[in-house]
Amino acid sequence: FQIGLTKSSRTLSGPYSASAIVHETISYSYKLFTVNGEDYYE
């Protein structure tokens, strides 16, 4: 891990660890296509 202090162009470096409970909501569209009579998702 590196902390960049852009106003003074300084960097501080070392190891970083973290733990967190993450909720992720994902949305997407889909369509169907057919191969040899079988439907598949795209």
ModelCIF file with pLDDT and N, C-alpha, C, O atoms, coordinates in Angstrom:
data_MODEL
#
_entry.id   MODEL 
#
_entity.id                         1 
_entity.type                       polymer 
_entity.pdbx_number_of_molecules   1 
#
_entity_poly.entity_id                      1 
_entity_poly.type                           'polypeptide(L)' 
_entity_poly.nstd_linkage                   no 
_entity_poly.nstd_monomer                   no 
_entity_poly.pdbx_seq_one_letter_code       FQIGLTKSSRTLSGPYSASAIVHETISYSYKLFTVNGEDYYE 
_entity_poly.pdbx_seq_one_letter_code_can   FQIGLTKSSRTLSGPYSASAIVHETISYSYKLFTVNGEDYYE 
_entity_poly.pdbx_strand_id                 A 
#
loop_
_entity_poly_seq.entity_id 
_entity_poly_seq.num 
_entity_poly_seq.mon_id 
_entity_poly_seq.hetero 
1 1  PHE n 
1 2  GLN n 
1 3  ILE n 
1 4  GLY n 
1 5  LEU n 
1 6  THR n 
1 7  LYS n 
1 8  SER n 
1 9  SER n 
1 10 ARG n 
1 11 THR n 
1 12 LEU n 
1 13 SER n 
1 14 GLY n 
1 15 PRO n 
1 16 TYR n 
1 17 SER n 
1 18 ALA n 
1 19 SER n 
1 20 ALA n 
1 21 ILE n 
1 22 VAL n 
1 23 HIS n 
1 24 GLU n 
1 25 THR n 
1 26 ILE n 
1 27 SER n 
1 28 TYR n 
1 29 SER n 
1 30 TYR n 
1 31 LYS n 
1 32 LEU n 
1 33 PHE n 
1 34 THR n 
1 35 VAL n 
1 36 ASN n 
1 37 GLY n 
1 38 GLU n 
1 39 ASP n 
1 40 TYR n 
1 41 TYR n 
1 42 GLU n 
#
_struct_asym.id          A 
_struct_asym.entity_id   1 
#
loop_
_ma_qa_metric.id 
_ma_qa_metric.mode 
_ma_qa_metric.name 
_ma_qa_metric.software_group_id 
_ma_qa_metric.type 
1 global pLDDT . pLDDT 
2 local  pLDDT . pLDDT 
#
_ma_qa_metric_global.metric_id      1 
_ma_qa_metric_global.metric_value   93.74 
_ma_qa_metric_global.model_id       1 
_ma_qa_metric_global.ordinal_id     1 
#
loop_
_ma_qa_metric_local.label_asym_id 
_ma_qa_metric_local.label_comp_id 
_ma_qa_metric_local.label_seq_id 
_ma_qa_metric_local.metric_id 
_ma_qa_metric_local.metric_value 
_ma_qa_metric_local.model_id 
_ma_qa_metric_local.ordinal_id 
A PHE 1  2 97.00 1 1  
A GLN 2  2 96.00 1 2  
A ILE 3  2 96.00 1 3  
A GLY 4  2 95.00 1 4  
A LEU 5  2 93.00 1 5  
A THR 6  2 90.00 1 6  
A LYS 7  2 86.00 1 7  
A SER 8  2 86.00 1 8  
A SER 9  2 87.00 1 9  
A ARG 10 2 89.00 1 10 
A THR 11 2 93.00 1 11 
A LEU 12 2 95.00 1 12 
A SER 13 2 95.00 1 13 
A GLY 14 2 96.00 1 14 
A PRO 15 2 97.00 1 15 
A TYR 16 2 97.00 1 16 
A SER 17 2 97.00 1 17 
A ALA 18 2 98.00 1 18 
A SER 19 2 98.00 1 19 
A ALA 20 2 98.00 1 20 
A ILE 21 2 98.00 1 21 
A VAL 22 2 98.00 1 22 
A HIS 23 2 97.00 1 23 
A GLU 24 2 97.00 1 24 
A THR 25 2 97.00 1 25 
A ILE 26 2 95.00 1 26 
A SER 27 2 96.00 1 27 
A TYR 28 2 95.00 1 28 
A SER 29 2 95.00 1 29 
A TYR 30 2 94.00 1 30 
A LYS 31 2 94.00 1 31 
A LEU 32 2 92.00 1 32 
A PHE 33 2 92.00 1 33 
A THR 34 2 93.00 1 34 
A VAL 35 2 92.00 1 35 
A ASN 36 2 89.00 1 36 
A GLY 37 2 90.00 1 37 
A GLU 38 2 89.00 1 38 
A ASP 39 2 90.00 1 39 
A TYR 40 2 91.00 1 40 
A TYR 41 2 91.00 1 41 
A GLU 42 2 93.00 1 42 
#
loop_
_atom_site.group_PDB 
_atom_site.id 
_atom_site.type_symbol 
_atom_site.label_atom_id 
_atom_site.label_alt_id 
_atom_site.label_comp_id 
_atom_site.label_asym_id 
_atom_site.label_entity_id 
_atom_site.label_seq_id 
_atom_site.pdbx_PDB_ins_code 
_atom_site.Cartn_x 
_atom_site.Cartn_y 
_atom_site.Cartn_z 
_atom_site.occupancy 
_atom_site.B_iso_or_equiv 
_atom_site.pdbx_formal_charge 
_atom_site.auth_seq_id 
_atom_site.auth_comp_id 
_atom_site.auth_asym_id 
_atom_site.auth_atom_id 
_atom_site.pdbx_PDB_model_num 
ATOM 1   N N  . PHE A 1 1  ? 0.835   -1.198  0.000   1.00 97.00 ? 1  PHE A N  1 
ATOM 2   C CA . PHE A 1 1  ? 0.000   0.000   0.000   1.00 97.00 ? 1  PHE A CA 1 
ATOM 3   C C  . PHE A 1 1  ? 0.870   1.249   0.000   1.00 97.00 ? 1  PHE A C  1 
ATOM 4   O O  . PHE A 1 1  ? 1.921   1.302   0.639   1.00 97.00 ? 1  PHE A O  1 
ATOM 5   N N  . GLN A 1 2  ? 0.404   2.245   -0.732  1.00 96.00 ? 2  GLN A N  1 
ATOM 6   C CA . GLN A 1 2  ? 1.119   3.516   -0.784  1.00 96.00 ? 2  GLN A CA 1 
ATOM 7   C C  . GLN A 1 2  ? 0.122   4.658   -0.646  1.00 96.00 ? 2  GLN A C  1 
ATOM 8   O O  . GLN A 1 2  ? -0.877  4.717   -1.364  1.00 96.00 ? 2  GLN A O  1 
ATOM 9   N N  . ILE A 1 3  ? 0.401   5.553   0.275   1.00 96.00 ? 3  ILE A N  1 
ATOM 10  C CA . ILE A 1 3  ? -0.405  6.753   0.449   1.00 96.00 ? 3  ILE A CA 1 
ATOM 11  C C  . ILE A 1 3  ? 0.281   7.886   -0.312  1.00 96.00 ? 3  ILE A C  1 
ATOM 12  O O  . ILE A 1 3  ? 1.435   8.218   -0.040  1.00 96.00 ? 3  ILE A O  1 
ATOM 13  N N  . GLY A 1 4  ? -0.431  8.469   -1.257  1.00 95.00 ? 4  GLY A N  1 
ATOM 14  C CA . GLY A 1 4  ? 0.109   9.588   -2.015  1.00 95.00 ? 4  GLY A CA 1 
ATOM 15  C C  . GLY A 1 4  ? -0.468  10.897  -1.507  1.00 95.00 ? 4  GLY A C  1 
ATOM 16  O O  . GLY A 1 4  ? -1.685  11.080  -1.460  1.00 95.00 ? 4  GLY A O  1 
ATOM 17  N N  . LEU A 1 5  ? 0.422   11.806  -1.126  1.00 93.00 ? 5  LEU A N  1 
ATOM 18  C CA . LEU A 1 5  ? 0.022   13.149  -0.703  1.00 93.00 ? 5  LEU A CA 1 
ATOM 19  C C  . LEU A 1 5  ? 0.336   14.077  -1.870  1.00 93.00 ? 5  LEU A C  1 
ATOM 20  O O  . LEU A 1 5  ? 1.452   14.584  -1.980  1.00 93.00 ? 5  LEU A O  1 
ATOM 21  N N  . THR A 1 6  ? -0.642  14.300  -2.737  1.00 90.00 ? 6  THR A N  1 
ATOM 22  C CA . THR A 1 6  ? -0.376  14.950  -4.022  1.00 90.00 ? 6  THR A CA 1 
ATOM 23  C C  . THR A 1 6  ? 0.011   16.418  -3.895  1.00 90.00 ? 6  THR A C  1 
ATOM 24  O O  . THR A 1 6  ? 0.718   16.949  -4.751  1.00 90.00 ? 6  THR A O  1 
ATOM 25  N N  . LYS A 1 7  ? -0.446  17.075  -2.837  1.00 86.00 ? 7  LYS A N  1 
ATOM 26  C CA . LYS A 1 7  ? -0.136  18.500  -2.696  1.00 86.00 ? 7  LYS A CA 1 
ATOM 27  C C  . LYS A 1 7  ? 1.320   18.740  -2.336  1.00 86.00 ? 7  LYS A C  1 
ATOM 28  O O  . LYS A 1 7  ? 1.851   19.826  -2.571  1.00 86.00 ? 7  LYS A O  1 
ATOM 29  N N  . SER A 1 8  ? 1.966   17.733  -1.766  1.00 86.00 ? 8  SER A N  1 
ATOM 30  C CA . SER A 1 8  ? 3.380   17.869  -1.410  1.00 86.00 ? 8  SER A CA 1 
ATOM 31  C C  . SER A 1 8  ? 4.256   16.875  -2.161  1.00 86.00 ? 8  SER A C  1 
ATOM 32  O O  . SER A 1 8  ? 5.469   16.822  -1.957  1.00 86.00 ? 8  SER A O  1 
ATOM 33  N N  . SER A 1 9  ? 3.619   16.078  -3.045  1.00 87.00 ? 9  SER A N  1 
ATOM 34  C CA . SER A 1 9  ? 4.345   15.074  -3.847  1.00 87.00 ? 9  SER A CA 1 
ATOM 35  C C  . SER A 1 9  ? 5.097   14.080  -2.971  1.00 87.00 ? 9  SER A C  1 
ATOM 36  O O  . SER A 1 9  ? 6.180   13.619  -3.331  1.00 87.00 ? 9  SER A O  1 
ATOM 37  N N  . ARG A 1 10 ? 4.516   13.753  -1.819  1.00 89.00 ? 10 ARG A N  1 
ATOM 38  C CA . ARG A 1 10 ? 5.134   12.792  -0.923  1.00 89.00 ? 10 ARG A CA 1 
ATOM 39  C C  . ARG A 1 10 ? 4.369   11.477  -0.966  1.00 89.00 ? 10 ARG A C  1 
ATOM 40  O O  . ARG A 1 10 ? 3.166   11.451  -1.225  1.00 89.00 ? 10 ARG A O  1 
ATOM 41  N N  . THR A 1 11 ? 5.090   10.380  -0.706  1.00 93.00 ? 11 THR A N  1 
ATOM 42  C CA . THR A 1 11 ? 4.453   9.061   -0.635  1.00 93.00 ? 11 THR A CA 1 
ATOM 43  C C  . THR A 1 11 ? 4.915   8.337   0.622   1.00 93.00 ? 11 THR A C  1 
ATOM 44  O O  . THR A 1 11 ? 6.068   8.452   1.037   1.00 93.00 ? 11 THR A O  1 
ATOM 45  N N  . LEU A 1 12 ? 3.994   7.593   1.215   1.00 95.00 ? 12 LEU A N  1 
ATOM 46  C CA . LEU A 1 12 ? 4.269   6.788   2.395   1.00 95.00 ? 12 LEU A CA 1 
ATOM 47  C C  . LEU A 1 12 ? 3.850   5.365   2.076   1.00 95.00 ? 12 LEU A C  1 
ATOM 48  O O  . LEU A 1 12 ? 2.757   5.154   1.551   1.00 95.00 ? 12 LEU A O  1 
ATOM 49  N N  . SER A 1 13 ? 4.686   4.387   2.376   1.00 95.00 ? 13 SER A N  1 
ATOM 50  C CA . SER A 1 13 ? 4.426   3.021   1.929   1.00 95.00 ? 13 SER A CA 1 
ATOM 51  C C  . SER A 1 13 ? 4.501   2.013   3.065   1.00 95.00 ? 13 SER A C  1 
ATOM 52  O O  . SER A 1 13 ? 5.212   2.208   4.051   1.00 95.00 ? 13 SER A O  1 
ATOM 53  N N  . GLY A 1 14 ? 3.743   0.921   2.901   1.00 96.00 ? 14 GLY A N  1 
ATOM 54  C CA . GLY A 1 14 ? 3.765   -0.164  3.867   1.00 96.00 ? 14 GLY A CA 1 
ATOM 55  C C  . GLY A 1 14 ? 2.614   -1.115  3.623   1.00 96.00 ? 14 GLY A C  1 
ATOM 56  O O  . GLY A 1 14 ? 1.834   -0.909  2.694   1.00 96.00 ? 14 GLY A O  1 
ATOM 57  N N  . PRO A 1 15 ? 2.490   -2.156  4.440   1.00 97.00 ? 15 PRO A N  1 
ATOM 58  C CA . PRO A 1 15 ? 1.411   -3.129  4.277   1.00 97.00 ? 15 PRO A CA 1 
ATOM 59  C C  . PRO A 1 15 ? 0.067   -2.589  4.747   1.00 97.00 ? 15 PRO A C  1 
ATOM 60  O O  . PRO A 1 15 ? -0.013  -1.726  5.620   1.00 97.00 ? 15 PRO A O  1 
ATOM 61  N N  . TYR A 1 16 ? -0.982  -3.126  4.139   1.00 97.00 ? 16 TYR A N  1 
ATOM 62  C CA . TYR A 1 16 ? -2.367  -2.728  4.413   1.00 97.00 ? 16 TYR A CA 1 
ATOM 63  C C  . TYR A 1 16 ? -3.204  -3.989  4.540   1.00 97.00 ? 16 TYR A C  1 
ATOM 64  O O  . TYR A 1 16 ? -3.060  -4.920  3.748   1.00 97.00 ? 16 TYR A O  1 
ATOM 65  N N  . SER A 1 17 ? -4.080  -4.019  5.537   1.00 97.00 ? 17 SER A N  1 
ATOM 66  C CA . SER A 1 17 ? -5.037  -5.124  5.636   1.00 97.00 ? 17 SER A CA 1 
ATOM 67  C C  . SER A 1 17 ? -6.386  -4.548  6.046   1.00 97.00 ? 17 SER A C  1 
ATOM 68  O O  . SER A 1 17 ? -6.456  -3.522  6.723   1.00 97.00 ? 17 SER A O  1 
ATOM 69  N N  . ALA A 1 18 ? -7.446  -5.213  5.631   1.00 98.00 ? 18 ALA A N  1 
ATOM 70  C CA . ALA A 1 18 ? -8.793  -4.726  5.937   1.00 98.00 ? 18 ALA A CA 1 
ATOM 71  C C  . ALA A 1 18 ? -9.780  -5.874  5.901   1.00 98.00 ? 18 ALA A C  1 
ATOM 72  O O  . ALA A 1 18 ? -9.563  -6.885  5.233   1.00 98.00 ? 18 ALA A O  1 
ATOM 73  N N  . SER A 1 19 ? -10.864 -5.699  6.629   1.00 98.00 ? 19 SER A N  1 
ATOM 74  C CA . SER A 1 19 ? -11.983 -6.631  6.558   1.00 98.00 ? 19 SER A CA 1 
ATOM 75  C C  . SER A 1 19 ? -13.260 -5.809  6.522   1.00 98.00 ? 19 SER A C  1 
ATOM 76  O O  . SER A 1 19 ? -13.361 -4.773  7.180   1.00 98.00 ? 19 SER A O  1 
ATOM 77  N N  . ALA A 1 20 ? -14.238 -6.279  5.746   1.00 98.00 ? 20 ALA A N  1 
ATOM 78  C CA . ALA A 1 20 ? -15.478 -5.531  5.583   1.00 98.00 ? 20 ALA A CA 1 
ATOM 79  C C  . ALA A 1 20 ? -16.589 -6.461  5.132   1.00 98.00 ? 20 ALA A C  1 
ATOM 80  O O  . ALA A 1 20 ? -16.345 -7.464  4.462   1.00 98.00 ? 20 ALA A O  1 
ATOM 81  N N  . ILE A 1 21 ? -17.809 -6.116  5.508   1.00 98.00 ? 21 ILE A N  1 
ATOM 82  C CA . ILE A 1 21 ? -18.993 -6.808  5.001   1.00 98.00 ? 21 ILE A CA 1 
ATOM 83  C C  . ILE A 1 21 ? -19.484 -6.017  3.798   1.00 98.00 ? 21 ILE A C  1 
ATOM 84  O O  . ILE A 1 21 ? -19.866 -4.853  3.921   1.00 98.00 ? 21 ILE A O  1 
ATOM 85  N N  . VAL A 1 22 ? -19.472 -6.656  2.636   1.00 98.00 ? 22 VAL A N  1 
ATOM 86  C CA . VAL A 1 22 ? -19.811 -5.973  1.389   1.00 98.00 ? 22 VAL A CA 1 
ATOM 87  C C  . VAL A 1 22 ? -21.139 -6.490  0.845   1.00 98.00 ? 22 VAL A C  1 
ATOM 88  O O  . VAL A 1 22 ? -21.345 -7.696  0.716   1.00 98.00 ? 22 VAL A O  1 
ATOM 89  N N  . HIS A 1 23 ? -22.027 -5.563  0.531   1.00 97.00 ? 23 HIS A N  1 
ATOM 90  C CA . HIS A 1 23 ? -23.244 -5.876  -0.223  1.00 97.00 ? 23 HIS A CA 1 
ATOM 91  C C  . HIS A 1 23 ? -23.088 -5.286  -1.620  1.00 97.00 ? 23 HIS A C  1 
ATOM 92  O O  . HIS A 1 23 ? -22.877 -4.083  -1.773  1.00 97.00 ? 23 HIS A O  1 
ATOM 93  N N  . GLU A 1 24 ? -23.191 -6.124  -2.620  1.00 97.00 ? 24 GLU A N  1 
ATOM 94  C CA . GLU A 1 24 ? -23.038 -5.679  -4.012  1.00 97.00 ? 24 GLU A CA 1 
ATOM 95  C C  . GLU A 1 24 ? -24.314 -5.988  -4.774  1.00 97.00 ? 24 GLU A C  1 
ATOM 96  O O  . GLU A 1 24 ? -24.765 -7.133  -4.815  1.00 97.00 ? 24 GLU A O  1 
ATOM 97  N N  . THR A 1 25 ? -24.894 -4.952  -5.379  1.00 97.00 ? 25 THR A N  1 
ATOM 98  C CA . THR A 1 25 ? -26.093 -5.121  -6.200  1.00 97.00 ? 25 THR A CA 1 
ATOM 99  C C  . THR A 1 25 ? -25.707 -4.930  -7.660  1.00 97.00 ? 25 THR A C  1 
ATOM 100 O O  . THR A 1 25 ? -25.217 -3.870  -8.050  1.00 97.00 ? 25 THR A O  1 
ATOM 101 N N  . ILE A 1 26 ? -25.931 -5.957  -8.455  1.00 95.00 ? 26 ILE A N  1 
ATOM 102 C CA . ILE A 1 26 ? -25.543 -5.934  -9.868  1.00 95.00 ? 26 ILE A CA 1 
ATOM 103 C C  . ILE A 1 26 ? -26.781 -6.119  -10.733 1.00 95.00 ? 26 ILE A C  1 
ATOM 104 O O  . ILE A 1 26 ? -27.609 -6.995  -10.484 1.00 95.00 ? 26 ILE A O  1 
ATOM 105 N N  . SER A 1 27 ? -26.888 -5.279  -11.749 1.00 96.00 ? 27 SER A N  1 
ATOM 106 C CA . SER A 1 27 ? -27.992 -5.369  -12.700 1.00 96.00 ? 27 SER A CA 1 
ATOM 107 C C  . SER A 1 27 ? -27.425 -5.587  -14.098 1.00 96.00 ? 27 SER A C  1 
ATOM 108 O O  . SER A 1 27 ? -26.393 -5.021  -14.458 1.00 96.00 ? 27 SER A O  1 
ATOM 109 N N  . TYR A 1 28 ? -28.105 -6.401  -14.868 1.00 95.00 ? 28 TYR A N  1 
ATOM 110 C CA . TYR A 1 28 ? -27.694 -6.597  -16.255 1.00 95.00 ? 28 TYR A CA 1 
ATOM 111 C C  . TYR A 1 28 ? -28.892 -7.070  -17.070 1.00 95.00 ? 28 TYR A C  1 
ATOM 112 O O  . TYR A 1 28 ? -29.863 -7.608  -16.539 1.00 95.00 ? 28 TYR A O  1 
ATOM 113 N N  . SER A 1 29 ? -28.792 -6.853  -18.357 1.00 95.00 ? 29 SER A N  1 
ATOM 114 C CA . SER A 1 29 ? -29.805 -7.356  -19.278 1.00 95.00 ? 29 SER A CA 1 
ATOM 115 C C  . SER A 1 29 ? -29.307 -8.663  -19.881 1.00 95.00 ? 29 SER A C  1 
ATOM 116 O O  . SER A 1 29 ? -28.138 -9.021  -19.737 1.00 95.00 ? 29 SER A O  1 
ATOM 117 N N  . TYR A 1 30 ? -30.197 -9.361  -20.550 1.00 94.00 ? 30 TYR A N  1 
ATOM 118 C CA . TYR A 1 30 ? -29.788 -10.588 -21.222 1.00 94.00 ? 30 TYR A CA 1 
ATOM 119 C C  . TYR A 1 30 ? -30.651 -10.797 -22.465 1.00 94.00 ? 30 TYR A C  1 
ATOM 120 O O  . TYR A 1 30 ? -31.710 -10.189 -22.619 1.00 94.00 ? 30 TYR A O  1 
ATOM 121 N N  . LYS A 1 31 ? -30.180 -11.651 -23.324 1.00 94.00 ? 31 LYS A N  1 
ATOM 122 C CA . LYS A 1 31 ? -30.983 -12.087 -24.463 1.00 94.00 ? 31 LYS A CA 1 
ATOM 123 C C  . LYS A 1 31 ? -30.718 -13.562 -24.685 1.00 94.00 ? 31 LYS A C  1 
ATOM 124 O O  . LYS A 1 31 ? -29.748 -14.117 -24.168 1.00 94.00 ? 31 LYS A O  1 
ATOM 125 N N  . LEU A 1 32 ? -31.568 -14.180 -25.441 1.00 92.00 ? 32 LEU A N  1 
ATOM 126 C CA . LEU A 1 32 ? -31.435 -15.610 -25.714 1.00 92.00 ? 32 LEU A CA 1 
ATOM 127 C C  . LEU A 1 32 ? -30.926 -15.849 -27.127 1.00 92.00 ? 32 LEU A C  1 
ATOM 128 O O  . LEU A 1 32 ? -31.228 -15.101 -28.056 1.00 92.00 ? 32 LEU A O  1 
ATOM 129 N N  . PHE A 1 33 ? -30.147 -16.911 -27.259 1.00 92.00 ? 33 PHE A N  1 
ATOM 130 C CA . PHE A 1 33 ? -29.792 -17.368 -28.604 1.00 92.00 ? 33 PHE A CA 1 
ATOM 131 C C  . PHE A 1 33 ? -29.943 -18.889 -28.627 1.00 92.00 ? 33 PHE A C  1 
ATOM 132 O O  . PHE A 1 33 ? -29.854 -19.549 -27.592 1.00 92.00 ? 33 PHE A O  1 
ATOM 133 N N  . THR A 1 34 ? -30.166 -19.417 -29.784 1.00 93.00 ? 34 THR A N  1 
ATOM 134 C CA . THR A 1 34 ? -30.480 -20.847 -29.928 1.00 93.00 ? 34 THR A CA 1 
ATOM 135 C C  . THR A 1 34 ? -29.415 -21.542 -30.756 1.00 93.00 ? 34 THR A C  1 
ATOM 136 O O  . THR A 1 34 ? -29.010 -21.048 -31.808 1.00 93.00 ? 34 THR A O  1 
ATOM 137 N N  . VAL A 1 35 ? -28.966 -22.693 -30.274 1.00 92.00 ? 35 VAL A N  1 
ATOM 138 C CA . VAL A 1 35 ? -28.024 -23.539 -31.002 1.00 92.00 ? 35 VAL A CA 1 
ATOM 139 C C  . VAL A 1 35 ? -28.589 -24.950 -31.022 1.00 92.00 ? 35 VAL A C  1 
ATOM 140 O O  . VAL A 1 35 ? -28.769 -25.575 -29.976 1.00 92.00 ? 35 VAL A O  1 
ATOM 141 N N  . ASN A 1 36 ? -28.868 -25.447 -32.229 1.00 89.00 ? 36 ASN A N  1 
ATOM 142 C CA . ASN A 1 36 ? -29.366 -26.810 -32.399 1.00 89.00 ? 36 ASN A CA 1 
ATOM 143 C C  . ASN A 1 36 ? -30.576 -27.101 -31.500 1.00 89.00 ? 36 ASN A C  1 
ATOM 144 O O  . ASN A 1 36 ? -30.676 -28.169 -30.897 1.00 89.00 ? 36 ASN A O  1 
ATOM 145 N N  . GLY A 1 37 ? -31.482 -26.136 -31.428 1.00 90.00 ? 37 GLY A N  1 
ATOM 146 C CA . GLY A 1 37 ? -32.717 -26.320 -30.674 1.00 90.00 ? 37 GLY A CA 1 
ATOM 147 C C  . GLY A 1 37 ? -32.628 -26.033 -29.192 1.00 90.00 ? 37 GLY A C  1 
ATOM 148 O O  . GLY A 1 37 ? -33.642 -26.096 -28.497 1.00 90.00 ? 37 GLY A O  1 
ATOM 149 N N  . GLU A 1 38 ? -31.437 -25.716 -28.683 1.00 89.00 ? 38 GLU A N  1 
ATOM 150 C CA . GLU A 1 38 ? -31.265 -25.404 -27.261 1.00 89.00 ? 38 GLU A CA 1 
ATOM 151 C C  . GLU A 1 38 ? -31.106 -23.896 -27.078 1.00 89.00 ? 38 GLU A C  1 
ATOM 152 O O  . GLU A 1 38 ? -30.385 -23.248 -27.837 1.00 89.00 ? 38 GLU A O  1 
ATOM 153 N N  . ASP A 1 39 ? -31.787 -23.332 -26.060 1.00 90.00 ? 39 ASP A N  1 
ATOM 154 C CA . ASP A 1 39 ? -31.665 -21.908 -25.757 1.00 90.00 ? 39 ASP A CA 1 
ATOM 155 C C  . ASP A 1 39 ? -30.541 -21.660 -24.765 1.00 90.00 ? 39 ASP A C  1 
ATOM 156 O O  . ASP A 1 39 ? -30.345 -22.420 -23.817 1.00 90.00 ? 39 ASP A O  1 
ATOM 157 N N  . TYR A 1 40 ? -29.801 -20.571 -25.007 1.00 91.00 ? 40 TYR A N  1 
ATOM 158 C CA . TYR A 1 40 ? -28.706 -20.154 -24.145 1.00 91.00 ? 40 TYR A CA 1 
ATOM 159 C C  . TYR A 1 40 ? -28.858 -18.672 -23.812 1.00 91.00 ? 40 TYR A C  1 
ATOM 160 O O  . TYR A 1 40 ? -29.503 -17.918 -24.541 1.00 91.00 ? 40 TYR A O  1 
ATOM 161 N N  . TYR A 1 41 ? -28.245 -18.268 -22.683 1.00 91.00 ? 41 TYR A N  1 
ATOM 162 C CA . TYR A 1 41 ? -28.272 -16.862 -22.291 1.00 91.00 ? 41 TYR A CA 1 
ATOM 163 C C  . TYR A 1 41 ? -27.030 -16.133 -22.788 1.00 91.00 ? 41 TYR A C  1 
ATOM 164 O O  . TYR A 1 41 ? -25.929 -16.684 -22.793 1.00 91.00 ? 41 TYR A O  1 
ATOM 165 N N  . GLU A 1 42 ? -27.222 -14.906 -23.197 1.00 93.00 ? 42 GLU A N  1 
ATOM 166 C CA . GLU A 1 42 ? -26.117 -13.988 -23.448 1.00 93.00 ? 42 GLU A CA 1 
ATOM 167 C C  . GLU A 1 42 ? -26.320 -12.781 -22.546 1.00 93.00 ? 42 GLU A C  1 
ATOM 168 O O  . GLU A 1 42 ? -25.513 -11.852 -22.568 1.00 93.00 ? 42 GLU A O  1 
#
